[in-house]
Amino acid sequence: MVKNESIARIVMLLCFSTALLTLAVRWHISSSNRAMMPMATRFEAPPVKSEPSLVERFTSFLKQGQIRATAGDAAIATSPDVKLTGQKSQQALNSELRLVVDLSNRRVYVYQKGEVIASYPTGIGKKGWETPTGIFKVMHKQHDPIWRHPITGKVFSPGEDSPLGDRWIGFLSNKDGEIGFHGTPDETLVGNPVSHGCLRMRNPDVRMLYDQVKIGTVVEVRH
């Protein structure tokens, strides 16, 4: 009987020890899991947002850069300041082109931005029909002009023999008619005082001048 009681006590002791050991192991595992949890979630706070990966950050950077670039392009294309600036520059460039006729050396000079970009020989008005001096503006341009003689009234049709050549650039109108640049069928007259006040040029030269000026271009005639 005594022997059986001893065996029973040993079995009970082993069971109790096993139970204690099991509880100890479970408590250790539970403590370890709690230690590994993020601090923000221990007290039921909102979970901490995880950091994006390197690939995600790079993709986001590219998308933002593309959006900024697209917005910038649209701003440039639709900005009224850019459009007005371009228009103003073109107008300023056109207004800077001017003609200066020097009657003393019988040449016309084309100025742009204060510099001479071209010059051409020209005939001037003869005695009694001197070319008027002053500052004028181009008021009339015409291909193959018709000319009426200021004294006889004879009309000369366009053509190779026309006294006005094939281009006309008028800058002054008075009681006697118009004054301007024109060509001539006789280039030997260019550079001499032979006209009725107009500026007579070689046909190739007046064609070039015709293309360089526009209505409103300033013409200064001086001695």
C-alpha atoms as a PDB file:
ATOM      1  CA  MET A   1       0.000   0.000   0.000  1.00  0.00           C
ATOM      2  CA  VAL A   2       2.783   2.406   0.943  1.00  0.00           C
ATOM      3  CA  LYS A   3       4.518   1.705  -2.344  1.00  0.00           C
ATOM      4  CA  ASN A   4       1.427   2.522  -4.378  1.00  0.00           C
ATOM      5  CA  GLU A   5       0.964   5.822  -2.577  1.00  0.00           C
ATOM      6  CA  SER A   6       4.560   6.820  -3.395  1.00  0.00           C
ATOM      7  CA  ILE A   7       4.057   6.082  -7.063  1.00  0.00           C
ATOM      8  CA  ALA A   8       0.861   8.133  -7.107  1.00  0.00           C
ATOM      9  CA  ARG A   9       2.609  11.101  -5.497  1.00  0.00           C
ATOM     10  CA  ILE A  10       5.426  10.940  -8.049  1.00  0.00           C
ATOM     11  CA  VAL A  11       2.932  10.894 -10.945  1.00  0.00           C
ATOM     12  CA  MET A  12       1.068  13.879  -9.490  1.00  0.00           C
ATOM     13  CA  LEU A  13       4.318  15.766  -9.022  1.00  0.00           C
ATOM     14  CA  LEU A  14       5.310  15.120 -12.635  1.00  0.00           C
ATOM     15  CA  CYS A  15       1.912  16.309 -13.908  1.00  0.00           C
ATOM     16  CA  PHE A  16       2.102  19.451 -11.806  1.00  0.00           C
ATOM     17  CA  SER A  17       5.645  20.173 -13.034  1.00  0.00           C
ATOM     18  CA  THR A  18       4.563  19.621 -16.633  1.00  0.00           C
ATOM     19  CA  ALA A  19       1.669  22.023 -16.172  1.00  0.00           C
ATOM     20  CA  LEU A  20       3.939  24.684 -14.680  1.00  0.00           C
ATOM     21  CA  LEU A  21       6.427  24.238 -17.510  1.00  0.00           C
ATOM     22  CA  THR A  22       3.655  24.561 -20.116  1.00  0.00           C
ATOM     23  CA  LEU A  23       2.372  27.776 -18.527  1.00  0.00           C
ATOM     24  CA  ALA A  24       5.881  29.209 -18.411  1.00  0.00           C
ATOM     25  CA  VAL A  25       6.477  28.471 -22.095  1.00  0.00           C
ATOM     26  CA  ARG A  26       3.139  30.015 -23.124  1.00  0.00           C
ATOM     27  CA  TRP A  27       3.796  33.175 -21.083  1.00  0.00           C
ATOM     28  CA  HIS A  28       7.246  33.560 -22.671  1.00  0.00           C
ATOM     29  CA  ILE A  29       5.829  33.216 -26.209  1.00  0.00           C
ATOM     30  CA  SER A  30       3.045  35.719 -25.490  1.00  0.00           C
ATOM     31  CA  SER A  31       5.512  38.256 -24.082  1.00  0.00           C
ATOM     32  CA  SER A  32       7.755  37.901 -27.102  1.00  0.00           C
ATOM     33  CA  ASN A  33       4.852  38.504 -29.525  1.00  0.00           C
ATOM     34  CA  ARG A  34       3.754  41.637 -27.682  1.00  0.00           C
ATOM     35  CA  ALA A  35       7.283  43.011 -27.754  1.00  0.00           C
ATOM     36  CA  MET A  36       7.421  42.584 -31.543  1.00  0.00           C
ATOM     37  CA  MET A  37       4.134  44.481 -32.199  1.00  0.00           C
ATOM     38  CA  PRO A  38       4.378  48.139 -33.373  1.00  0.00           C
ATOM     39  CA  MET A  39       3.941  50.593 -30.517  1.00  0.00           C
ATOM     40  CA  ALA A  40       1.153  52.426 -32.322  1.00  0.00           C
ATOM     41  CA  THR A  41      -1.052  49.295 -32.414  1.00  0.00           C
ATOM     42  CA  ARG A  42      -0.607  48.164 -28.824  1.00  0.00           C
ATOM     43  CA  PHE A  43      -3.223  50.601 -27.546  1.00  0.00           C
ATOM     44  CA  GLU A  44      -5.533  50.309 -30.523  1.00  0.00           C
ATOM     45  CA  ALA A  45      -4.171  53.500 -32.029  1.00  0.00           C
ATOM     46  CA  PRO A  46      -4.398  53.942 -35.828  1.00  0.00           C
ATOM     47  CA  PRO A  47      -1.878  51.694 -37.519  1.00  0.00           C
ATOM     48  CA  VAL A  48       1.367  53.293 -38.614  1.00  0.00           C
ATOM     49  CA  LYS A  49       1.446  53.740 -42.386  1.00  0.00           C
ATOM     50  CA  SER A  50       4.220  51.660 -43.804  1.00  0.00           C
ATOM     51  CA  GLU A  51       6.957  53.444 -45.812  1.00  0.00           C
ATOM     52  CA  PRO A  52       6.624  53.011 -49.623  1.00  0.00           C
ATOM     53  CA  SER A  53       9.183  50.884 -51.317  1.00  0.00           C
ATOM     54  CA  LEU A  54      11.996  52.358 -53.412  1.00  0.00           C
ATOM     55  CA  VAL A  55      10.207  51.367 -56.629  1.00  0.00           C
ATOM     56  CA  GLU A  56       6.967  53.014 -55.479  1.00  0.00           C
ATOM     57  CA  ARG A  57       8.759  56.235 -54.522  1.00  0.00           C
ATOM     58  CA  PHE A  58      10.581  56.367 -57.871  1.00  0.00           C
ATOM     59  CA  THR A  59       7.339  55.788 -59.812  1.00  0.00           C
ATOM     60  CA  SER A  60       5.604  58.536 -57.832  1.00  0.00           C
ATOM     61  CA  PHE A  61       8.493  60.915 -58.500  1.00  0.00           C
ATOM     62  CA  LEU A  62       8.267  60.281 -62.244  1.00  0.00           C
ATOM     63  CA  LYS A  63       4.504  60.857 -62.271  1.00  0.00           C
ATOM     64  CA  GLN A  64       4.814  64.132 -60.346  1.00  0.00           C
ATOM     65  CA  GLY A  65       7.585  65.327 -62.642  1.00  0.00           C
ATOM     66  CA  GLN A  66       5.485  64.509 -65.696  1.00  0.00           C
ATOM     67  CA  ILE A  67       2.502  66.396 -64.272  1.00  0.00           C
ATOM     68  CA  ARG A  68       4.626  69.455 -63.496  1.00  0.00           C
ATOM     69  CA  ALA A  69       6.190  69.382 -66.950  1.00  0.00           C
ATOM     70  CA  THR A  70       2.805  69.073 -68.653  1.00  0.00           C
ATOM     71  CA  ALA A  71       1.383  71.931 -66.615  1.00  0.00           C
ATOM     72  CA  GLY A  72       4.405  74.063 -67.411  1.00  0.00           C
ATOM     73  CA  ASP A  73       4.078  73.439 -71.144  1.00  0.00           C
ATOM     74  CA  ALA A  74       0.415  74.349 -71.048  1.00  0.00           C
ATOM     75  CA  ALA A  75       1.200  77.574 -69.187  1.00  0.00           C
ATOM     76  CA  ILE A  76       3.771  78.590 -71.766  1.00  0.00           C
ATOM     77  CA  ALA A  77       1.499  77.778 -74.688  1.00  0.00           C
ATOM     78  CA  THR A  78      -1.481  79.686 -73.295  1.00  0.00           C
ATOM     79  CA  SER A  79       0.274  82.521 -71.478  1.00  0.00           C
ATOM     80  CA  PRO A  80      -0.833  85.874 -72.942  1.00  0.00           C
ATOM     81  CA  ASP A  81       2.435  87.457 -71.827  1.00  0.00           C
ATOM     82  CA  VAL A  82       4.496  85.242 -74.120  1.00  0.00           C
ATOM     83  CA  LYS A  83       2.227  85.896 -77.083  1.00  0.00           C
ATOM     84  CA  LEU A  84       2.199  89.656 -76.528  1.00  0.00           C
ATOM     85  CA  THR A  85       5.955  89.758 -76.115  1.00  0.00           C
ATOM     86  CA  GLY A  86       6.454  88.031 -79.478  1.00  0.00           C
ATOM     87  CA  GLN A  87       4.069  90.419 -81.183  1.00  0.00           C
ATOM     88  CA  LYS A  88       5.765  93.417 -79.629  1.00  0.00           C
ATOM     89  CA  SER A  89       9.204  92.262 -80.742  1.00  0.00           C
ATOM     90  CA  GLN A  90       8.020  91.804 -84.333  1.00  0.00           C
ATOM     91  CA  GLN A  91       6.418  95.242 -84.357  1.00  0.00           C
ATOM     92  CA  ALA A  92       9.563  96.803 -82.928  1.00  0.00           C
ATOM     93  CA  LEU A  93      11.673  95.075 -85.579  1.00  0.00           C
ATOM     94  CA  ASN A  94       9.464  96.420 -88.384  1.00  0.00           C
ATOM     95  CA  SER A  95       9.404  99.932 -86.939  1.00  0.00           C
ATOM     96  CA  GLU A  96      13.196 100.004 -86.736  1.00  0.00           C
ATOM     97  CA  LEU A  97      13.563  99.629 -90.519  1.00  0.00           C
ATOM     98  CA  ARG A  98      13.808 103.034 -92.194  1.00  0.00           C
ATOM     99  CA  LEU A  99      15.090 104.591 -95.402  1.00  0.00           C
ATOM    100  CA  VAL A 100      17.443 107.546 -95.614  1.00  0.00           C
ATOM    101  CA  VAL A 101      17.899 109.273 -98.981  1.00  0.00           C
ATOM    102  CA  ASP A 102      21.078 111.335 -99.206  1.00  0.00           C
ATOM    103  CA  LEU A 103      20.597 113.753-102.100  1.00  0.00           C
ATOM    104  CA  SER A 104      24.215 114.918-101.922  1.00  0.00           C
ATOM    105  CA  ASN A 105      25.635 111.533-102.911  1.00  0.00           C
ATOM    106  CA  ARG A 106      22.411 110.342-104.590  1.00  0.00           C
ATOM    107  CA  ARG A 107      21.954 107.105-102.695  1.00  0.00           C
ATOM    108  CA  VAL A 108      19.224 105.543-100.610  1.00  0.00           C
ATOM    109  CA  TYR A 109      20.278 103.705 -97.440  1.00  0.00           C
ATOM    110  CA  VAL A 110      18.253 100.989 -95.730  1.00  0.00           C
ATOM    111  CA  TYR A 111      18.679 101.058 -91.945  1.00  0.00           C
ATOM    112  CA  GLN A 112      17.652  98.344 -89.530  1.00  0.00           C
ATOM    113  CA  LYS A 113      18.384  98.518 -85.807  1.00  0.00           C
ATOM    114  CA  GLY A 114      20.515 101.576 -86.505  1.00  0.00           C
ATOM    115  CA  GLU A 115      22.794  99.845 -88.999  1.00  0.00           C
ATOM    116  CA  VAL A 116      22.940 100.096 -92.782  1.00  0.00           C
ATOM    117  CA  ILE A 117      21.934  96.761 -94.294  1.00  0.00           C
ATOM    118  CA  ALA A 118      21.738  97.933 -97.937  1.00  0.00           C
ATOM    119  CA  SER A 119      22.233 100.983-100.148  1.00  0.00           C
ATOM    120  CA  TYR A 120      21.374 101.741-103.762  1.00  0.00           C
ATOM    121  CA  PRO A 121      22.253 104.526-106.218  1.00  0.00           C
ATOM    122  CA  THR A 122      19.357 106.713-107.246  1.00  0.00           C
ATOM    123  CA  GLY A 123      18.566 109.551-109.606  1.00  0.00           C
ATOM    124  CA  ILE A 124      17.035 112.709-108.125  1.00  0.00           C
ATOM    125  CA  GLY A 125      14.896 115.622-109.243  1.00  0.00           C
ATOM    126  CA  LYS A 126      16.294 118.027-111.810  1.00  0.00           C
ATOM    127  CA  LYS A 127      16.422 121.810-111.419  1.00  0.00           C
ATOM    128  CA  GLY A 128      12.969 123.215-110.881  1.00  0.00           C
ATOM    129  CA  TRP A 129      11.720 119.765-109.918  1.00  0.00           C
ATOM    130  CA  GLU A 130      13.934 119.147-106.917  1.00  0.00           C
ATOM    131  CA  THR A 131      13.167 116.158-104.735  1.00  0.00           C
ATOM    132  CA  PRO A 132      11.488 117.475-101.560  1.00  0.00           C
ATOM    133  CA  THR A 133      13.292 116.939 -98.263  1.00  0.00           C
ATOM    134  CA  GLY A 134      11.751 115.904 -94.963  1.00  0.00           C
ATOM    135  CA  ILE A 135      10.486 112.842 -93.153  1.00  0.00           C
ATOM    136  CA  PHE A 136       7.745 110.844 -94.833  1.00  0.00           C
ATOM    137  CA  LYS A 137       6.225 107.363 -94.783  1.00  0.00           C
ATOM    138  CA  VAL A 138       5.638 104.827 -97.528  1.00  0.00           C
ATOM    139  CA  MET A 139       2.006 105.269 -98.535  1.00  0.00           C
ATOM    140  CA  HIS A 140       1.700 103.358-101.795  1.00  0.00           C
ATOM    141  CA  LYS A 141       3.292 100.259-103.351  1.00  0.00           C
ATOM    142  CA  GLN A 142       2.496  98.934-106.816  1.00  0.00           C
ATOM    143  CA  HIS A 143       3.711  96.414-109.372  1.00  0.00           C
ATOM    144  CA  ASP A 144       3.830  97.539-113.010  1.00  0.00           C
ATOM    145  CA  PRO A 145       2.623 101.099-112.377  1.00  0.00           C
ATOM    146  CA  ILE A 146       0.999 103.414-114.923  1.00  0.00           C
ATOM    147  CA  TRP A 147       2.535 106.885-115.211  1.00  0.00           C
ATOM    148  CA  ARG A 148       1.012 110.155-116.369  1.00  0.00           C
ATOM    149  CA  HIS A 149       3.468 112.847-117.482  1.00  0.00           C
ATOM    150  CA  PRO A 150       3.055 115.849-115.151  1.00  0.00           C
ATOM    151  CA  ILE A 151       3.351 118.397-117.987  1.00  0.00           C
ATOM    152  CA  THR A 152       1.936 116.802-121.133  1.00  0.00           C
ATOM    153  CA  GLY A 153      -0.536 114.494-119.384  1.00  0.00           C
ATOM    154  CA  LYS A 154       0.534 111.597-121.588  1.00  0.00           C
ATOM    155  CA  VAL A 155      -0.174 108.199-120.021  1.00  0.00           C
ATOM    156  CA  PHE A 156       2.499 105.505-120.150  1.00  0.00           C
ATOM    157  CA  SER A 157       1.242 101.936-119.798  1.00  0.00           C
ATOM    158  CA  PRO A 158       3.169  99.252-117.878  1.00  0.00           C
ATOM    159  CA  GLY A 159       5.872  97.438-119.810  1.00  0.00           C
ATOM    160  CA  GLU A 160       9.567  97.330-120.563  1.00  0.00           C
ATOM    161  CA  ASP A 161       9.545 100.913-121.861  1.00  0.00           C
ATOM    162  CA  SER A 162       7.604 102.397-118.949  1.00  0.00           C
ATOM    163  CA  PRO A 163       9.473 105.370-117.398  1.00  0.00           C
ATOM    164  CA  LEU A 164       8.548 103.971-113.955  1.00  0.00           C
ATOM    165  CA  GLY A 165       9.950 100.503-114.571  1.00  0.00           C
ATOM    166  CA  ASP A 166       8.061  97.655-112.878  1.00  0.00           C
ATOM    167  CA  ARG A 167       7.910  98.880-109.244  1.00  0.00           C
ATOM    168  CA  TRP A 168       6.539 101.973-107.546  1.00  0.00           C
ATOM    169  CA  ILE A 169       7.037 102.991-103.885  1.00  0.00           C
ATOM    170  CA  GLY A 170       5.239 106.279-103.199  1.00  0.00           C
ATOM    171  CA  PHE A 171       5.881 108.318-100.043  1.00  0.00           C
ATOM    172  CA  LEU A 172       4.549 111.833-100.839  1.00  0.00           C
ATOM    173  CA  SER A 173       1.490 113.176-102.587  1.00  0.00           C
ATOM    174  CA  ASN A 174       1.098 116.859-103.518  1.00  0.00           C
ATOM    175  CA  LYS A 175      -0.659 119.073-106.059  1.00  0.00           C
ATOM    176  CA  ASP A 176       1.722 117.971-108.797  1.00  0.00           C
ATOM    177  CA  GLY A 177       1.258 114.249-108.188  1.00  0.00           C
ATOM    178  CA  GLU A 178       3.138 111.648-106.194  1.00  0.00           C
ATOM    179  CA  ILE A 179       6.812 111.387-105.314  1.00  0.00           C
ATOM    180  CA  GLY A 180       8.456 108.027-104.783  1.00  0.00           C
ATOM    181  CA  PHE A 181      10.982 105.396-105.799  1.00  0.00           C
ATOM    182  CA  HIS A 182      10.630 103.690-109.167  1.00  0.00           C
ATOM    183  CA  GLY A 183      12.618 101.806-111.784  1.00  0.00           C
ATOM    184  CA  THR A 184      13.678 102.906-115.241  1.00  0.00           C
ATOM    185  CA  PRO A 185      14.270 101.362-118.674  1.00  0.00           C
ATOM    186  CA  ASP A 186      17.437 103.468-119.008  1.00  0.00           C
ATOM    187  CA  GLU A 187      19.864 102.689-116.192  1.00  0.00           C
ATOM    188  CA  THR A 188      22.361 105.303-117.427  1.00  0.00           C
ATOM    189  CA  LEU A 189      20.065 107.941-115.911  1.00  0.00           C
ATOM    190  CA  VAL A 190      20.476 106.515-112.399  1.00  0.00           C
ATOM    191  CA  GLY A 191      22.635 108.779-110.238  1.00  0.00           C
ATOM    192  CA  ASN A 192      21.780 111.960-112.176  1.00  0.00           C
ATOM    193  CA  PRO A 193      19.346 114.848-111.527  1.00  0.00           C
ATOM    194  CA  VAL A 194      16.941 114.043-114.354  1.00  0.00           C
ATOM    195  CA  SER A 195      13.548 113.249-112.776  1.00  0.00           C
ATOM    196  CA  HIS A 196      10.502 115.347-111.923  1.00  0.00           C
ATOM    197  CA  GLY A 197      11.238 114.882-108.228  1.00  0.00           C
ATOM    198  CA  CYS A 198      11.111 111.106-107.984  1.00  0.00           C
ATOM    199  CA  LEU A 199      13.971 108.810-107.027  1.00  0.00           C
ATOM    200  CA  ARG A 200      14.877 106.774-110.089  1.00  0.00           C
ATOM    201  CA  MET A 201      16.552 103.400-109.488  1.00  0.00           C
ATOM    202  CA  ARG A 202      17.762 100.421-111.462  1.00  0.00           C
ATOM    203  CA  ASN A 203      15.024  97.844-111.865  1.00  0.00           C
ATOM    204  CA  PRO A 204      16.810  95.063-109.896  1.00  0.00           C
ATOM    205  CA  ASP A 205      17.507  97.528-107.057  1.00  0.00           C
ATOM    206  CA  VAL A 206      13.980  98.872-106.794  1.00  0.00           C
ATOM    207  CA  ARG A 207      12.636  95.301-106.739  1.00  0.00           C
ATOM    208  CA  MET A 208      14.806  94.538-103.740  1.00  0.00           C
ATOM    209  CA  LEU A 209      13.800  97.777-102.025  1.00  0.00           C
ATOM    210  CA  TYR A 210      10.155  97.014-102.746  1.00  0.00           C
ATOM    211  CA  ASP A 211      10.454  93.737-100.840  1.00  0.00           C
ATOM    212  CA  GLN A 212      12.273  95.365 -97.919  1.00  0.00           C
ATOM    213  CA  VAL A 213       9.741  98.077 -97.103  1.00  0.00           C
ATOM    214  CA  LYS A 214       6.064  98.089 -96.210  1.00  0.00           C
ATOM    215  CA  ILE A 215       3.303 100.654 -95.939  1.00  0.00           C
ATOM    216  CA  GLY A 216       4.301 102.966 -93.095  1.00  0.00           C
ATOM    217  CA  THR A 217       8.081 102.555 -93.413  1.00  0.00           C
ATOM    218  CA  VAL A 218       9.776 105.866 -92.585  1.00  0.00           C
ATOM    219  CA  VAL A 219      11.542 107.657 -95.444  1.00  0.00           C
ATOM    220  CA  GLU A 220      13.895 110.509 -94.595  1.00  0.00           C
ATOM    221  CA  VAL A 221      15.114 112.663 -97.492  1.00  0.00           C
ATOM    222  CA  ARG A 222      17.979 115.040 -96.732  1.00  0.00           C
ATOM    223  CA  HIS A 223      20.841 116.902 -98.396  1.00  0.00           C
END
